[in-house]
Amino acid sequence: MKKILVFGITILSLLFGCGGGSASTSQQEQTRSISTLLVPLYSYPTTYRDDHQRLAQLRTQKEIMVIINPDNGPGNSKDVEFENLIISYKNAGMKILGYVFTSYTSRNQSNVKADIEKYLQFYPQIDGFFLDEVSNKPEDINYYSQLYQYIKTHGRFLVVINPGTKVPQEYYNVADKVVVFEQSIDFLYNQYGLTKANPKDCFLVYGVRDIGKAKELLLYLVSHDAKCAYIVNEDPPSWFRLSPYMDLLIE
């Protein structure tokens, strides 16, 4: 209870304690500090057509990275539905990342590289890769360093890794973005211990119950220098539905 009260006081001070502006003006100024949205949208384009269309219709000055996941990776052949989806997102100015899992280094690198090659063959319009199930152990850094170099030899592709938790400093050298949080809003507030975010950090926060909580969360993140985030109401998330808070996130 004490943590909740302290957080409430902090939010009030952020809203009303600086500059004498209105609460709405303060909110707009704060949310602009989130400059990148990392959007996992793993659902099939036609099954969740409304969600994909709604995302493709958004217009914002912010950077939006959309993670696609045809079949726990690229699948074994090109899917025209995903090809068309990628085109619609690219036309909207968004960047596309292909999902690849690494099983915390237990997956053979040759299989990871094969998935990367399939994405490049099937969907050459993509902008990079989202490496999932990433270790945060210091002794595993070489595995991800090799994958990072492998991807970069193919061109100026983005590399986003997802340990889902804090990482040693060395991991920032093998990625363009690092998902350092993939957990519930309650865990973020009460257990994670966020201090100052690295510019490469991304936060995927779920269990955000309503728009009021979403606004408070964005204020909390930007007060800790976070630049990349995405928030959903599901708990746990399917990553199949688009966040109901997109209008707030793109402000």
C-alpha atoms as a PDB file:
ATOM      1  CA  MET A   1       0.000   0.000   0.000  1.00  0.00           C
ATOM      2  CA  LYS A   2       2.833   2.439   0.799  1.00  0.00           C
ATOM      3  CA  LYS A   3       4.328   1.966  -2.656  1.00  0.00           C
ATOM      4  CA  ILE A   4       0.992   2.745  -4.293  1.00  0.00           C
ATOM      5  CA  LEU A   5       0.592   5.913  -2.215  1.00  0.00           C
ATOM      6  CA  VAL A   6       4.110   7.080  -3.002  1.00  0.00           C
ATOM      7  CA  PHE A   7       3.575   6.453  -6.686  1.00  0.00           C
ATOM      8  CA  GLY A   8       0.311   8.404  -6.613  1.00  0.00           C
ATOM      9  CA  ILE A   9       2.055  11.375  -5.024  1.00  0.00           C
ATOM     10  CA  THR A  10       4.814  11.170  -7.629  1.00  0.00           C
ATOM     11  CA  ILE A  11       2.308  11.232 -10.481  1.00  0.00           C
ATOM     12  CA  LEU A  12       0.477  14.235  -8.978  1.00  0.00           C
ATOM     13  CA  SER A  13       3.732  16.135  -8.649  1.00  0.00           C
ATOM     14  CA  LEU A  14       4.599  15.376 -12.274  1.00  0.00           C
ATOM     15  CA  LEU A  15       1.192  16.561 -13.431  1.00  0.00           C
ATOM     16  CA  PHE A  16       0.870  19.713 -11.355  1.00  0.00           C
ATOM     17  CA  GLY A  17       4.245  20.553  -9.836  1.00  0.00           C
ATOM     18  CA  CYS A  18       6.199  21.828 -12.822  1.00  0.00           C
ATOM     19  CA  GLY A  19       5.802  24.880 -14.980  1.00  0.00           C
ATOM     20  CA  GLY A  20       2.275  25.843 -13.988  1.00  0.00           C
ATOM     21  CA  GLY A  21       0.792  24.273 -17.176  1.00  0.00           C
ATOM     22  CA  SER A  22      -2.407  22.291 -17.420  1.00  0.00           C
ATOM     23  CA  ALA A  23      -2.481  18.547 -16.721  1.00  0.00           C
ATOM     24  CA  SER A  24      -3.317  17.793 -20.355  1.00  0.00           C
ATOM     25  CA  THR A  25      -0.393  19.886 -21.620  1.00  0.00           C
ATOM     26  CA  SER A  26       1.959  18.168 -19.187  1.00  0.00           C
ATOM     27  CA  GLN A  27       0.686  14.760 -20.319  1.00  0.00           C
ATOM     28  CA  GLN A  28       1.317  15.552 -23.994  1.00  0.00           C
ATOM     29  CA  GLU A  29       4.819  16.830 -23.269  1.00  0.00           C
ATOM     30  CA  GLN A  30       5.675  13.724 -21.264  1.00  0.00           C
ATOM     31  CA  THR A  31       4.346  11.112 -23.691  1.00  0.00           C
ATOM     32  CA  ARG A  32       6.307  12.650 -26.566  1.00  0.00           C
ATOM     33  CA  SER A  33       9.425  11.370 -24.840  1.00  0.00           C
ATOM     34  CA  ILE A  34       8.451   7.832 -25.878  1.00  0.00           C
ATOM     35  CA  SER A  35       9.885   8.044 -29.379  1.00  0.00           C
ATOM     36  CA  THR A  36       9.721   4.377 -30.432  1.00  0.00           C
ATOM     37  CA  LEU A  37       6.837   1.910 -30.230  1.00  0.00           C
ATOM     38  CA  LEU A  38       7.790  -1.766 -30.428  1.00  0.00           C
ATOM     39  CA  VAL A  39       4.613  -3.587 -31.449  1.00  0.00           C
ATOM     40  CA  PRO A  40       4.489  -7.408 -31.291  1.00  0.00           C
ATOM     41  CA  LEU A  41       1.514  -8.333 -33.494  1.00  0.00           C
ATOM     42  CA  TYR A  42       1.911 -12.039 -34.130  1.00  0.00           C
ATOM     43  CA  SER A  43      -1.602 -12.782 -35.397  1.00  0.00           C
ATOM     44  CA  TYR A  44      -2.479 -13.914 -38.893  1.00  0.00           C
ATOM     45  CA  PRO A  45      -3.403 -10.954 -41.114  1.00  0.00           C
ATOM     46  CA  THR A  46      -6.872 -12.163 -42.119  1.00  0.00           C
ATOM     47  CA  THR A  47      -7.859 -13.697 -38.766  1.00  0.00           C
ATOM     48  CA  TYR A  48      -7.232 -10.400 -36.977  1.00  0.00           C
ATOM     49  CA  ARG A  49      -7.804  -8.144 -39.950  1.00  0.00           C
ATOM     50  CA  ASP A  50      -9.297  -5.251 -37.953  1.00  0.00           C
ATOM     51  CA  ASP A  51      -6.259  -5.020 -35.673  1.00  0.00           C
ATOM     52  CA  HIS A  52      -3.802  -5.043 -38.552  1.00  0.00           C
ATOM     53  CA  GLN A  53      -5.796  -2.532 -40.575  1.00  0.00           C
ATOM     54  CA  ARG A  54      -6.109  -0.211 -37.602  1.00  0.00           C
ATOM     55  CA  LEU A  55      -2.346  -0.259 -37.081  1.00  0.00           C
ATOM     56  CA  ALA A  56      -1.631   0.310 -40.783  1.00  0.00           C
ATOM     57  CA  GLN A  57      -3.923   3.347 -40.775  1.00  0.00           C
ATOM     58  CA  LEU A  58      -2.118   5.106 -37.923  1.00  0.00           C
ATOM     59  CA  ARG A  59      -0.020   8.140 -38.735  1.00  0.00           C
ATOM     60  CA  THR A  60       2.568   9.497 -36.328  1.00  0.00           C
ATOM     61  CA  GLN A  61       6.000  11.097 -36.225  1.00  0.00           C
ATOM     62  CA  LYS A  62       7.114   8.392 -33.823  1.00  0.00           C
ATOM     63  CA  GLU A  63       9.064   5.346 -34.925  1.00  0.00           C
ATOM     64  CA  ILE A  64       6.915   2.217 -35.013  1.00  0.00           C
ATOM     65  CA  MET A  65       8.564  -1.193 -35.230  1.00  0.00           C
ATOM     66  CA  VAL A  66       6.124  -4.011 -35.956  1.00  0.00           C
ATOM     67  CA  ILE A  67       7.153  -7.592 -35.188  1.00  0.00           C
ATOM     68  CA  ILE A  68       5.629 -10.188 -37.513  1.00  0.00           C
ATOM     69  CA  ASN A  69       5.591 -13.893 -36.728  1.00  0.00           C
ATOM     70  CA  PRO A  70       4.208 -16.026 -39.578  1.00  0.00           C
ATOM     71  CA  ASP A  71       4.848 -19.433 -37.983  1.00  0.00           C
ATOM     72  CA  ASN A  72       7.021 -19.173 -34.869  1.00  0.00           C
ATOM     73  CA  GLY A  73       9.472 -17.721 -37.325  1.00  0.00           C
ATOM     74  CA  PRO A  74       9.282 -17.256 -41.101  1.00  0.00           C
ATOM     75  CA  GLY A  75       7.615 -20.585 -41.916  1.00  0.00           C
ATOM     76  CA  ASN A  76       8.661 -22.753 -44.840  1.00  0.00           C
ATOM     77  CA  SER A  77       7.293 -20.659 -47.693  1.00  0.00           C
ATOM     78  CA  LYS A  78       6.235 -17.127 -48.498  1.00  0.00           C
ATOM     79  CA  ASP A  79       2.714 -16.221 -47.418  1.00  0.00           C
ATOM     80  CA  VAL A  80       1.103 -13.619 -49.669  1.00  0.00           C
ATOM     81  CA  GLU A  81      -1.030 -12.353 -46.776  1.00  0.00           C
ATOM     82  CA  PHE A  82       2.085 -11.447 -44.810  1.00  0.00           C
ATOM     83  CA  GLU A  83       3.702 -10.024 -47.913  1.00  0.00           C
ATOM     84  CA  ASN A  84       0.715  -7.692 -48.423  1.00  0.00           C
ATOM     85  CA  LEU A  85       0.699  -6.832 -44.722  1.00  0.00           C
ATOM     86  CA  ILE A  86       4.355  -5.828 -44.821  1.00  0.00           C
ATOM     87  CA  ILE A  87       3.682  -3.589 -47.808  1.00  0.00           C
ATOM     88  CA  SER A  88       0.815  -1.845 -45.996  1.00  0.00           C
ATOM     89  CA  TYR A  89       2.956  -1.226 -42.927  1.00  0.00           C
ATOM     90  CA  LYS A  90       5.872   0.015 -44.991  1.00  0.00           C
ATOM     91  CA  ASN A  91       3.564   2.403 -46.845  1.00  0.00           C
ATOM     92  CA  ALA A  92       2.607   3.803 -43.435  1.00  0.00           C
ATOM     93  CA  GLY A  93       6.269   4.487 -42.647  1.00  0.00           C
ATOM     94  CA  MET A  94       6.680   1.625 -40.173  1.00  0.00           C
ATOM     95  CA  LYS A  95       9.625  -0.745 -39.780  1.00  0.00           C
ATOM     96  CA  ILE A  96       9.129  -4.502 -39.915  1.00  0.00           C
ATOM     97  CA  LEU A  97      10.996  -7.030 -37.773  1.00  0.00           C
ATOM     98  CA  GLY A  98      10.913 -10.784 -38.344  1.00  0.00           C
ATOM     99  CA  TYR A  99      10.465 -12.943 -35.249  1.00  0.00           C
ATOM    100  CA  VAL A 100      13.212 -15.520 -34.544  1.00  0.00           C
ATOM    101  CA  PHE A 101      13.547 -17.502 -31.304  1.00  0.00           C
ATOM    102  CA  THR A 102      16.882 -18.530 -29.795  1.00  0.00           C
ATOM    103  CA  SER A 103      15.815 -20.663 -26.786  1.00  0.00           C
ATOM    104  CA  TYR A 104      18.284 -18.849 -24.485  1.00  0.00           C
ATOM    105  CA  THR A 105      21.246 -20.108 -26.611  1.00  0.00           C
ATOM    106  CA  SER A 106      20.109 -23.753 -26.612  1.00  0.00           C
ATOM    107  CA  ARG A 107      18.892 -23.453 -30.193  1.00  0.00           C
ATOM    108  CA  ASN A 108      21.588 -24.279 -32.704  1.00  0.00           C
ATOM    109  CA  GLN A 109      22.871 -21.148 -34.402  1.00  0.00           C
ATOM    110  CA  SER A 110      22.560 -22.788 -37.816  1.00  0.00           C
ATOM    111  CA  ASN A 111      18.785 -23.018 -37.311  1.00  0.00           C
ATOM    112  CA  VAL A 112      18.579 -19.406 -36.194  1.00  0.00           C
ATOM    113  CA  LYS A 113      20.555 -18.317 -39.237  1.00  0.00           C
ATOM    114  CA  ALA A 114      18.345 -20.446 -41.485  1.00  0.00           C
ATOM    115  CA  ASP A 115      15.296 -18.535 -40.214  1.00  0.00           C
ATOM    116  CA  ILE A 116      17.049 -15.249 -40.919  1.00  0.00           C
ATOM    117  CA  GLU A 117      17.821 -16.378 -44.470  1.00  0.00           C
ATOM    118  CA  LYS A 118      14.200 -17.450 -45.030  1.00  0.00           C
ATOM    119  CA  TYR A 119      12.921 -14.046 -43.974  1.00  0.00           C
ATOM    120  CA  LEU A 120      15.313 -12.388 -46.400  1.00  0.00           C
ATOM    121  CA  GLN A 121      14.173 -14.735 -49.160  1.00  0.00           C
ATOM    122  CA  PHE A 122      10.419 -14.601 -48.490  1.00  0.00           C
ATOM    123  CA  TYR A 123      10.062 -11.021 -47.246  1.00  0.00           C
ATOM    124  CA  PRO A 124      13.003  -8.944 -48.497  1.00  0.00           C
ATOM    125  CA  GLN A 125      11.179  -5.726 -47.529  1.00  0.00           C
ATOM    126  CA  ILE A 126      11.755  -6.294 -43.804  1.00  0.00           C
ATOM    127  CA  ASP A 127      13.950  -3.931 -41.823  1.00  0.00           C
ATOM    128  CA  GLY A 128      15.416  -6.287 -39.245  1.00  0.00           C
ATOM    129  CA  PHE A 129      14.976  -9.109 -36.782  1.00  0.00           C
ATOM    130  CA  PHE A 130      13.481  -9.612 -33.354  1.00  0.00           C
ATOM    131  CA  LEU A 131      15.479 -12.255 -31.485  1.00  0.00           C
ATOM    132  CA  ASP A 132      13.303 -13.769 -28.761  1.00  0.00           C
ATOM    133  CA  GLU A 133      14.050 -15.970 -25.738  1.00  0.00           C
ATOM    134  CA  VAL A 134      17.395 -14.251 -25.269  1.00  0.00           C
ATOM    135  CA  SER A 135      19.691 -15.056 -22.352  1.00  0.00           C
ATOM    136  CA  ASN A 136      20.973 -12.352 -20.033  1.00  0.00           C
ATOM    137  CA  LYS A 137      23.940 -14.339 -18.748  1.00  0.00           C
ATOM    138  CA  PRO A 138      27.405 -12.817 -19.293  1.00  0.00           C
ATOM    139  CA  GLU A 139      28.791 -16.138 -20.492  1.00  0.00           C
ATOM    140  CA  ASP A 140      26.248 -16.256 -23.358  1.00  0.00           C
ATOM    141  CA  ILE A 141      27.191 -12.955 -24.946  1.00  0.00           C
ATOM    142  CA  ASN A 142      29.316 -14.586 -27.657  1.00  0.00           C
ATOM    143  CA  TYR A 143      26.294 -16.476 -29.033  1.00  0.00           C
ATOM    144  CA  TYR A 144      24.419 -13.214 -29.593  1.00  0.00           C
ATOM    145  CA  SER A 145      27.480 -11.335 -30.763  1.00  0.00           C
ATOM    146  CA  GLN A 146      27.900 -13.862 -33.564  1.00  0.00           C
ATOM    147  CA  LEU A 147      24.235 -13.547 -34.576  1.00  0.00           C
ATOM    148  CA  TYR A 148      24.452  -9.757 -34.488  1.00  0.00           C
ATOM    149  CA  GLN A 149      27.492  -9.768 -36.772  1.00  0.00           C
ATOM    150  CA  TYR A 150      25.842 -12.322 -39.061  1.00  0.00           C
ATOM    151  CA  ILE A 151      22.766 -10.140 -39.498  1.00  0.00           C
ATOM    152  CA  LYS A 152      24.794  -6.976 -40.028  1.00  0.00           C
ATOM    153  CA  THR A 153      26.832  -8.606 -42.804  1.00  0.00           C
ATOM    154  CA  HIS A 154      23.587  -8.804 -44.806  1.00  0.00           C
ATOM    155  CA  GLY A 155      23.012  -5.070 -44.709  1.00  0.00           C
ATOM    156  CA  ARG A 156      21.760  -2.325 -42.438  1.00  0.00           C
ATOM    157  CA  PHE A 157      19.215  -4.481 -40.680  1.00  0.00           C
ATOM    158  CA  LEU A 158      17.993  -3.727 -37.172  1.00  0.00           C
ATOM    159  CA  VAL A 159      18.628  -6.215 -34.384  1.00  0.00           C
ATOM    160  CA  VAL A 160      16.237  -6.164 -31.423  1.00  0.00           C
ATOM    161  CA  ILE A 161      16.834  -8.716 -28.669  1.00  0.00           C
ATOM    162  CA  ASN A 162      14.377  -9.787 -25.999  1.00  0.00           C
ATOM    163  CA  PRO A 163      15.800 -11.017 -22.703  1.00  0.00           C
ATOM    164  CA  GLY A 164      12.701  -9.502 -21.062  1.00  0.00           C
ATOM    165  CA  THR A 165      14.777  -8.440 -18.064  1.00  0.00           C
ATOM    166  CA  LYS A 166      17.863  -6.453 -17.143  1.00  0.00           C
ATOM    167  CA  VAL A 167      21.088  -7.352 -18.941  1.00  0.00           C
ATOM    168  CA  PRO A 168      24.828  -6.871 -18.442  1.00  0.00           C
ATOM    169  CA  GLN A 169      26.281  -3.873 -20.262  1.00  0.00           C
ATOM    170  CA  GLU A 170      27.875  -6.094 -22.923  1.00  0.00           C
ATOM    171  CA  TYR A 171      24.461  -6.953 -24.369  1.00  0.00           C
ATOM    172  CA  TYR A 172      23.974  -3.381 -25.538  1.00  0.00           C
ATOM    173  CA  ASN A 173      26.860  -3.922 -27.945  1.00  0.00           C
ATOM    174  CA  VAL A 174      25.020  -6.701 -29.798  1.00  0.00           C
ATOM    175  CA  ALA A 175      21.666  -5.018 -30.409  1.00  0.00           C
ATOM    176  CA  ASP A 176      20.053  -1.826 -31.639  1.00  0.00           C
ATOM    177  CA  LYS A 177      17.258  -2.206 -29.069  1.00  0.00           C
ATOM    178  CA  VAL A 178      17.028  -4.388 -25.965  1.00  0.00           C
ATOM    179  CA  VAL A 179      13.727  -5.452 -24.415  1.00  0.00           C
ATOM    180  CA  VAL A 180      14.676  -5.220 -20.749  1.00  0.00           C
ATOM    181  CA  PHE A 181      11.127  -5.626 -19.489  1.00  0.00           C
ATOM    182  CA  GLU A 182       8.310  -7.960 -20.558  1.00  0.00           C
ATOM    183  CA  GLN A 183       6.112  -8.287 -17.523  1.00  0.00           C
ATOM    184  CA  SER A 184       3.028  -6.922 -15.785  1.00  0.00           C
ATOM    185  CA  ILE A 185       2.576  -3.332 -14.675  1.00  0.00           C
ATOM    186  CA  ASP A 186       2.413  -4.501 -11.055  1.00  0.00           C
ATOM    187  CA  PHE A 187       5.794  -6.211 -11.368  1.00  0.00           C
ATOM    188  CA  LEU A 188       7.274  -3.045 -12.883  1.00  0.00           C
ATOM    189  CA  TYR A 189       6.112  -0.870 -10.008  1.00  0.00           C
ATOM    190  CA  ASN A 190       6.702  -3.232  -7.103  1.00  0.00           C
ATOM    191  CA  GLN A 191       9.602  -5.545  -7.963  1.00  0.00           C
ATOM    192  CA  TYR A 192      11.618  -4.513 -11.027  1.00  0.00           C
ATOM    193  CA  GLY A 193      13.496  -1.585  -9.524  1.00  0.00           C
ATOM    194  CA  LEU A 194      13.666   0.727 -12.528  1.00  0.00           C
ATOM    195  CA  THR A 195      16.225   3.503 -12.070  1.00  0.00           C
ATOM    196  CA  LYS A 196      17.455   5.147 -15.282  1.00  0.00           C
ATOM    197  CA  ALA A 197      16.737   3.555 -18.648  1.00  0.00           C
ATOM    198  CA  ASN A 198      19.443   3.027 -21.234  1.00  0.00           C
ATOM    199  CA  PRO A 199      18.605   4.760 -24.557  1.00  0.00           C
ATOM    200  CA  LYS A 200      18.360   1.299 -26.176  1.00  0.00           C
ATOM    201  CA  ASP A 201      15.929  -0.089 -23.585  1.00  0.00           C
ATOM    202  CA  CYS A 202      12.396  -1.146 -24.565  1.00  0.00           C
ATOM    203  CA  PHE A 203       9.553  -1.905 -22.159  1.00  0.00           C
ATOM    204  CA  LEU A 204       6.688  -4.273 -23.014  1.00  0.00           C
ATOM    205  CA  VAL A 205       4.154  -3.844 -20.234  1.00  0.00           C
ATOM    206  CA  TYR A 206       0.944  -5.833 -19.906  1.00  0.00           C
ATOM    207  CA  GLY A 207      -2.005  -5.917 -17.518  1.00  0.00           C
ATOM    208  CA  VAL A 208      -2.636  -2.156 -17.901  1.00  0.00           C
ATOM    209  CA  ARG A 209      -6.324  -2.131 -17.011  1.00  0.00           C
ATOM    210  CA  ASP A 210      -7.592   1.242 -18.245  1.00  0.00           C
ATOM    211  CA  ILE A 211      -6.621   4.487 -19.934  1.00  0.00           C
ATOM    212  CA  GLY A 212      -5.907   6.179 -16.612  1.00  0.00           C
ATOM    213  CA  LYS A 213      -3.378   3.504 -15.685  1.00  0.00           C
ATOM    214  CA  ALA A 214      -1.889   3.763 -19.167  1.00  0.00           C
ATOM    215  CA  LYS A 215      -1.328   7.510 -18.781  1.00  0.00           C
ATOM    216  CA  GLU A 216       0.253   7.048 -15.359  1.00  0.00           C
ATOM    217  CA  LEU A 217       2.504   4.318 -16.720  1.00  0.00           C
ATOM    218  CA  LEU A 218       3.783   6.492 -19.562  1.00  0.00           C
ATOM    219  CA  LEU A 219       4.573   9.264 -17.100  1.00  0.00           C
ATOM    220  CA  TYR A 220       6.422   6.768 -14.926  1.00  0.00           C
ATOM    221  CA  LEU A 221       8.460   5.423 -17.857  1.00  0.00           C
ATOM    222  CA  VAL A 222       9.470   8.792 -19.258  1.00  0.00           C
ATOM    223  CA  SER A 223      10.378  10.046 -15.783  1.00  0.00           C
ATOM    224  CA  HIS A 224      12.984   7.251 -15.869  1.00  0.00           C
ATOM    225  CA  ASP A 225      14.200   8.265 -19.362  1.00  0.00           C
ATOM    226  CA  ALA A 226      12.541   5.395 -21.258  1.00  0.00           C
ATOM    227  CA  LYS A 227      12.360   5.991 -25.021  1.00  0.00           C
ATOM    228  CA  CYS A 228      10.829   2.758 -26.314  1.00  0.00           C
ATOM    229  CA  ALA A 229       7.660   1.091 -25.028  1.00  0.00           C
ATOM    230  CA  TYR A 230       4.419  -0.715 -25.771  1.00  0.00           C
ATOM    231  CA  ILE A 231       1.545  -1.384 -23.377  1.00  0.00           C
ATOM    232  CA  VAL A 232      -1.471  -3.696 -23.546  1.00  0.00           C
ATOM    233  CA  ASN A 233      -4.408  -4.502 -21.307  1.00  0.00           C
ATOM    234  CA  GLU A 234      -4.224  -8.299 -21.635  1.00  0.00           C
ATOM    235  CA  ASP A 235      -2.680 -10.265 -18.753  1.00  0.00           C
ATOM    236  CA  PRO A 236      -0.998 -12.418 -19.868  1.00  0.00           C
ATOM    237  CA  PRO A 237      -0.812 -11.037 -23.409  1.00  0.00           C
ATOM    238  CA  SER A 238      -1.452 -13.072 -26.551  1.00  0.00           C
ATOM    239  CA  TRP A 239       0.382 -10.487 -28.689  1.00  0.00           C
ATOM    240  CA  PHE A 240      -2.375 -11.173 -31.242  1.00  0.00           C
ATOM    241  CA  ARG A 241      -4.429  -8.012 -30.595  1.00  0.00           C
ATOM    242  CA  LEU A 242      -3.417  -4.415 -31.071  1.00  0.00           C
ATOM    243  CA  SER A 243      -3.141  -2.328 -27.926  1.00  0.00           C
ATOM    244  CA  PRO A 244      -6.320  -0.375 -27.106  1.00  0.00           C
ATOM    245  CA  TYR A 245      -4.033   2.513 -26.109  1.00  0.00           C
ATOM    246  CA  MET A 246      -2.531   3.240 -29.520  1.00  0.00           C
ATOM    247  CA  ASP A 247      -4.043   6.729 -29.746  1.00  0.00           C
ATOM    248  CA  LEU A 248      -2.326   7.614 -26.478  1.00  0.00           C
ATOM    249  CA  LEU A 249       0.950   5.978 -27.476  1.00  0.00           C
ATOM    250  CA  ILE A 250       1.246   7.869 -30.776  1.00  0.00           C
ATOM    251  CA  GLU A 251       0.524  11.326 -29.295  1.00  0.00           C
END
